Structure formats: structure tokens, C-alpha cells
Amino acid sequence: MAFSRKNLLLRVKEVNELYMEKAKIGLSTEFIFRTFIKPRYHISRSTLYEYLAIPYDRQLREIAQRERAEKEQNPTLF
């Protein structure tokens, strides 16, 4: 399967939402990483920090707009 920026951003969104949910109740970043994120997503701590810095919502909106524009330019027959 080919690499897709959209799929990466959806994964970043999942990780960010999980992190924010746990951080809101007062858990430390290290605890959240070791207990919830690393076992599920198999990423390193530095990757977690990179994911937290990505503005995924804006980038996902841009991708959606681009997809809509392409769909309007190239209508399907079915």
C-alpha cells in the first residue's frame, strides 16, 4: 500500500486526542506515553512529541478541499 499523508494525519489525530484526553485528568506525559500510547501505536517518545506539534486539523481540511476540487473537475460516470 502506498504512503498517504491523509492516513498519517488521521493517526496523528488519534494519538493527539488520546493524549489530550488523558492529560486533561492530570496524568504526566511520560505515564501517558508508557501506559497508553506506546503499547497501542508502537512509536517512540520523540515521535509522540512530533505528532503533538503537527497541526493535523488544518492539514486535513486542506486535503479534503483538494479532494473536493479534484472530484468536481473529474466527475465520474457512475
N, C-alpha and C. Protein backbone atom coordinates (compact mmCIF):
# COMPACT_ATOMS: atom_id res chain seq x y z
N MET A 1 0.84 -1.17 0.00
CA MET A 1 0.00 0.00 0.00
C MET A 1 0.89 1.24 0.00
N ALA A 2 0.52 2.21 -0.73
CA ALA A 2 1.30 3.43 -0.86
C ALA A 2 1.10 4.32 0.37
N PHE A 3 2.09 5.14 0.61
CA PHE A 3 2.04 6.08 1.71
C PHE A 3 0.99 7.15 1.43
N SER A 4 0.25 7.51 2.44
CA SER A 4 -0.77 8.53 2.28
C SER A 4 -0.66 9.54 3.41
N ARG A 5 -0.51 10.80 3.08
CA ARG A 5 -0.42 11.85 4.10
C ARG A 5 -1.70 11.90 4.91
N LYS A 6 -2.82 11.63 4.27
CA LYS A 6 -4.10 11.65 4.97
C LYS A 6 -4.14 10.59 6.07
N ASN A 7 -3.67 9.38 5.77
CA ASN A 7 -3.66 8.32 6.77
C ASN A 7 -2.74 8.67 7.93
N LEU A 8 -1.59 9.27 7.64
CA LEU A 8 -0.69 9.69 8.70
C LEU A 8 -1.36 10.73 9.59
N LEU A 9 -2.03 11.70 8.98
CA LEU A 9 -2.69 12.74 9.76
C LEU A 9 -3.84 12.18 10.59
N LEU A 10 -4.53 11.18 10.10
CA LEU A 10 -5.59 10.54 10.88
C LEU A 10 -5.01 9.82 12.09
N ARG A 11 -3.84 9.20 11.92
CA ARG A 11 -3.16 8.55 13.04
C ARG A 11 -2.69 9.60 14.05
N VAL A 12 -2.15 10.71 13.56
CA VAL A 12 -1.71 11.80 14.43
C VAL A 12 -2.91 12.33 15.23
N LYS A 13 -4.04 12.46 14.57
CA LYS A 13 -5.26 12.93 15.24
C LYS A 13 -5.66 11.98 16.37
N GLU A 14 -5.62 10.68 16.11
CA GLU A 14 -5.95 9.69 17.14
C GLU A 14 -5.03 9.80 18.34
N VAL A 15 -3.73 9.88 18.08
CA VAL A 15 -2.75 9.97 19.16
C VAL A 15 -2.95 11.26 19.95
N ASN A 16 -3.15 12.37 19.27
CA ASN A 16 -3.36 13.66 19.93
C ASN A 16 -4.62 13.65 20.80
N GLU A 17 -5.70 13.09 20.28
CA GLU A 17 -6.94 13.05 21.05
C GLU A 17 -6.80 12.18 22.29
N LEU A 18 -6.11 11.04 22.16
CA LEU A 18 -5.87 10.17 23.31
C LEU A 18 -5.01 10.89 24.34
N TYR A 19 -3.95 11.53 23.87
CA TYR A 19 -3.06 12.26 24.78
C TYR A 19 -3.81 13.37 25.51
N MET A 20 -4.58 14.17 24.78
CA MET A 20 -5.29 15.29 25.39
C MET A 20 -6.34 14.80 26.40
N GLU A 21 -6.99 13.70 26.08
CA GLU A 21 -7.99 13.14 27.00
C GLU A 21 -7.34 12.75 28.33
N LYS A 22 -6.19 12.11 28.26
CA LYS A 22 -5.50 11.66 29.48
C LYS A 22 -4.81 12.82 30.19
N ALA A 23 -4.29 13.78 29.44
CA ALA A 23 -3.61 14.92 30.06
C ALA A 23 -4.61 15.82 30.78
N LYS A 24 -5.83 15.84 30.31
CA LYS A 24 -6.86 16.69 30.91
C LYS A 24 -7.16 16.26 32.35
N ILE A 25 -7.01 14.97 32.65
CA ILE A 25 -7.28 14.50 34.01
C ILE A 25 -6.04 14.57 34.90
N GLY A 26 -4.94 15.09 34.34
CA GLY A 26 -3.77 15.36 35.17
C GLY A 26 -2.66 14.33 35.11
N LEU A 27 -2.69 13.42 34.15
CA LEU A 27 -1.61 12.43 34.05
C LEU A 27 -0.39 13.04 33.37
N SER A 28 0.78 12.58 33.74
CA SER A 28 2.01 13.11 33.15
C SER A 28 2.21 12.55 31.74
N THR A 29 3.00 13.27 30.96
CA THR A 29 3.28 12.86 29.59
C THR A 29 3.97 11.50 29.56
N GLU A 30 4.92 11.30 30.45
CA GLU A 30 5.65 10.02 30.50
C GLU A 30 4.72 8.86 30.81
N PHE A 31 3.81 9.05 31.76
CA PHE A 31 2.86 8.00 32.12
C PHE A 31 1.91 7.70 30.96
N ILE A 32 1.41 8.75 30.33
CA ILE A 32 0.51 8.57 29.19
C ILE A 32 1.22 7.82 28.08
N PHE A 33 2.47 8.20 27.82
CA PHE A 33 3.23 7.55 26.75
C PHE A 33 3.43 6.06 27.06
N ARG A 34 3.95 5.75 28.25
CA ARG A 34 4.27 4.35 28.58
C ARG A 34 3.04 3.48 28.70
N THR A 35 1.95 4.03 29.24
CA THR A 35 0.78 3.22 29.55
C THR A 35 -0.21 3.09 28.38
N PHE A 36 -0.42 4.16 27.64
CA PHE A 36 -1.48 4.15 26.63
C PHE A 36 -0.98 4.20 25.19
N ILE A 37 0.00 5.03 24.92
CA ILE A 37 0.39 5.28 23.54
C ILE A 37 1.38 4.26 23.00
N LYS A 38 2.45 3.99 23.72
CA LYS A 38 3.48 3.07 23.21
C LYS A 38 2.93 1.66 22.96
N PRO A 39 2.17 1.08 23.88
CA PRO A 39 1.66 -0.28 23.60
C PRO A 39 0.70 -0.35 22.41
N ARG A 40 -0.03 0.72 22.15
CA ARG A 40 -1.02 0.70 21.08
C ARG A 40 -0.46 1.10 19.73
N TYR A 41 0.37 2.15 19.71
CA TYR A 41 0.83 2.71 18.44
C TYR A 41 2.28 2.38 18.10
N HIS A 42 3.04 1.85 19.06
CA HIS A 42 4.44 1.44 18.84
C HIS A 42 5.28 2.58 18.25
N ILE A 43 5.21 3.74 18.90
CA ILE A 43 6.01 4.87 18.47
C ILE A 43 6.95 5.27 19.60
N SER A 44 8.00 5.99 19.26
CA SER A 44 8.95 6.45 20.28
C SER A 44 8.46 7.75 20.91
N ARG A 45 9.12 8.13 21.98
CA ARG A 45 8.76 9.35 22.67
C ARG A 45 8.98 10.57 21.77
N SER A 46 10.07 10.57 21.02
CA SER A 46 10.32 11.70 20.12
C SER A 46 9.26 11.79 19.02
N THR A 47 8.78 10.66 18.55
CA THR A 47 7.71 10.66 17.56
C THR A 47 6.42 11.21 18.17
N LEU A 48 6.16 10.87 19.42
CA LEU A 48 4.99 11.42 20.11
C LEU A 48 5.07 12.93 20.14
N TYR A 49 6.23 13.48 20.50
CA TYR A 49 6.38 14.94 20.54
C TYR A 49 6.22 15.56 19.15
N GLU A 50 6.69 14.87 18.12
CA GLU A 50 6.49 15.36 16.75
C GLU A 50 5.00 15.37 16.40
N TYR A 51 4.30 14.30 16.76
CA TYR A 51 2.86 14.21 16.49
C TYR A 51 2.10 15.33 17.21
N LEU A 52 2.50 15.64 18.44
CA LEU A 52 1.81 16.68 19.20
C LEU A 52 2.00 18.06 18.59
N ALA A 53 3.06 18.23 17.81
CA ALA A 53 3.35 19.53 17.21
C ALA A 53 2.72 19.72 15.83
N ILE A 54 2.18 18.67 15.25
CA ILE A 54 1.62 18.75 13.89
C ILE A 54 0.21 19.36 13.94
N PRO A 55 -0.05 20.39 13.13
CA PRO A 55 -1.40 20.98 13.06
C PRO A 55 -2.30 20.13 12.15
N TYR A 56 -2.69 18.96 12.63
CA TYR A 56 -3.38 17.98 11.80
C TYR A 56 -4.74 18.47 11.32
N ASP A 57 -5.47 19.23 12.13
CA ASP A 57 -6.81 19.65 11.72
C ASP A 57 -6.78 20.55 10.49
N ARG A 58 -5.86 21.48 10.46
CA ARG A 58 -5.74 22.38 9.29
C ARG A 58 -5.32 21.59 8.05
N GLN A 59 -4.37 20.69 8.21
CA GLN A 59 -3.88 19.92 7.07
C GLN A 59 -4.95 18.96 6.54
N LEU A 60 -5.75 18.38 7.43
CA LEU A 60 -6.83 17.51 6.98
C LEU A 60 -7.89 18.30 6.22
N ARG A 61 -8.19 19.53 6.66
CA ARG A 61 -9.13 20.38 5.93
C ARG A 61 -8.62 20.69 4.53
N GLU A 62 -7.32 21.00 4.42
CA GLU A 62 -6.73 21.30 3.11
C GLU A 62 -6.81 20.10 2.18
N ILE A 63 -6.55 18.91 2.69
CA ILE A 63 -6.63 17.69 1.88
C ILE A 63 -8.07 17.47 1.42
N ALA A 64 -9.04 17.67 2.32
CA ALA A 64 -10.45 17.49 1.96
C ALA A 64 -10.86 18.48 0.88
N GLN A 65 -10.42 19.72 0.99
CA GLN A 65 -10.74 20.72 -0.04
C GLN A 65 -10.13 20.34 -1.37
N ARG A 66 -8.89 19.86 -1.34
CA ARG A 66 -8.23 19.44 -2.58
C ARG A 66 -8.96 18.27 -3.22
N GLU A 67 -9.41 17.31 -2.39
CA GLU A 67 -10.14 16.15 -2.91
C GLU A 67 -11.47 16.58 -3.53
N ARG A 68 -12.17 17.53 -2.89
CA ARG A 68 -13.44 18.02 -3.44
C ARG A 68 -13.22 18.72 -4.77
N ALA A 69 -12.15 19.52 -4.86
CA ALA A 69 -11.86 20.24 -6.09
C ALA A 69 -11.53 19.26 -7.22
N GLU A 70 -10.77 18.22 -6.91
CA GLU A 70 -10.44 17.21 -7.93
C GLU A 70 -11.68 16.46 -8.37
N LYS A 71 -12.58 16.19 -7.42
CA LYS A 71 -13.80 15.46 -7.75
C LYS A 71 -14.70 16.30 -8.66
N GLU A 72 -14.74 17.60 -8.42
CA GLU A 72 -15.55 18.47 -9.26
C GLU A 72 -14.97 18.61 -10.66
N GLN A 73 -13.66 18.59 -10.77
CA GLN A 73 -13.02 18.71 -12.08
C GLN A 73 -13.12 17.42 -12.87
N ASN A 74 -13.11 16.30 -12.19
CA ASN A 74 -13.12 14.99 -12.86
C ASN A 74 -14.36 14.19 -12.41
N PRO A 75 -15.52 14.52 -12.89
CA PRO A 75 -16.71 13.77 -12.46
C PRO A 75 -16.66 12.33 -13.01
N THR A 76 -17.22 11.43 -12.23
CA THR A 76 -17.28 10.03 -12.66
C THR A 76 -18.57 9.77 -13.42
N LEU A 77 -18.57 8.70 -14.16
CA LEU A 77 -19.77 8.36 -14.93
C LEU A 77 -20.80 7.62 -14.10
N PHE A 78 -20.38 7.11 -12.97
CA PHE A 78 -21.30 6.30 -12.16
C PHE A 78 -21.56 6.91 -10.83
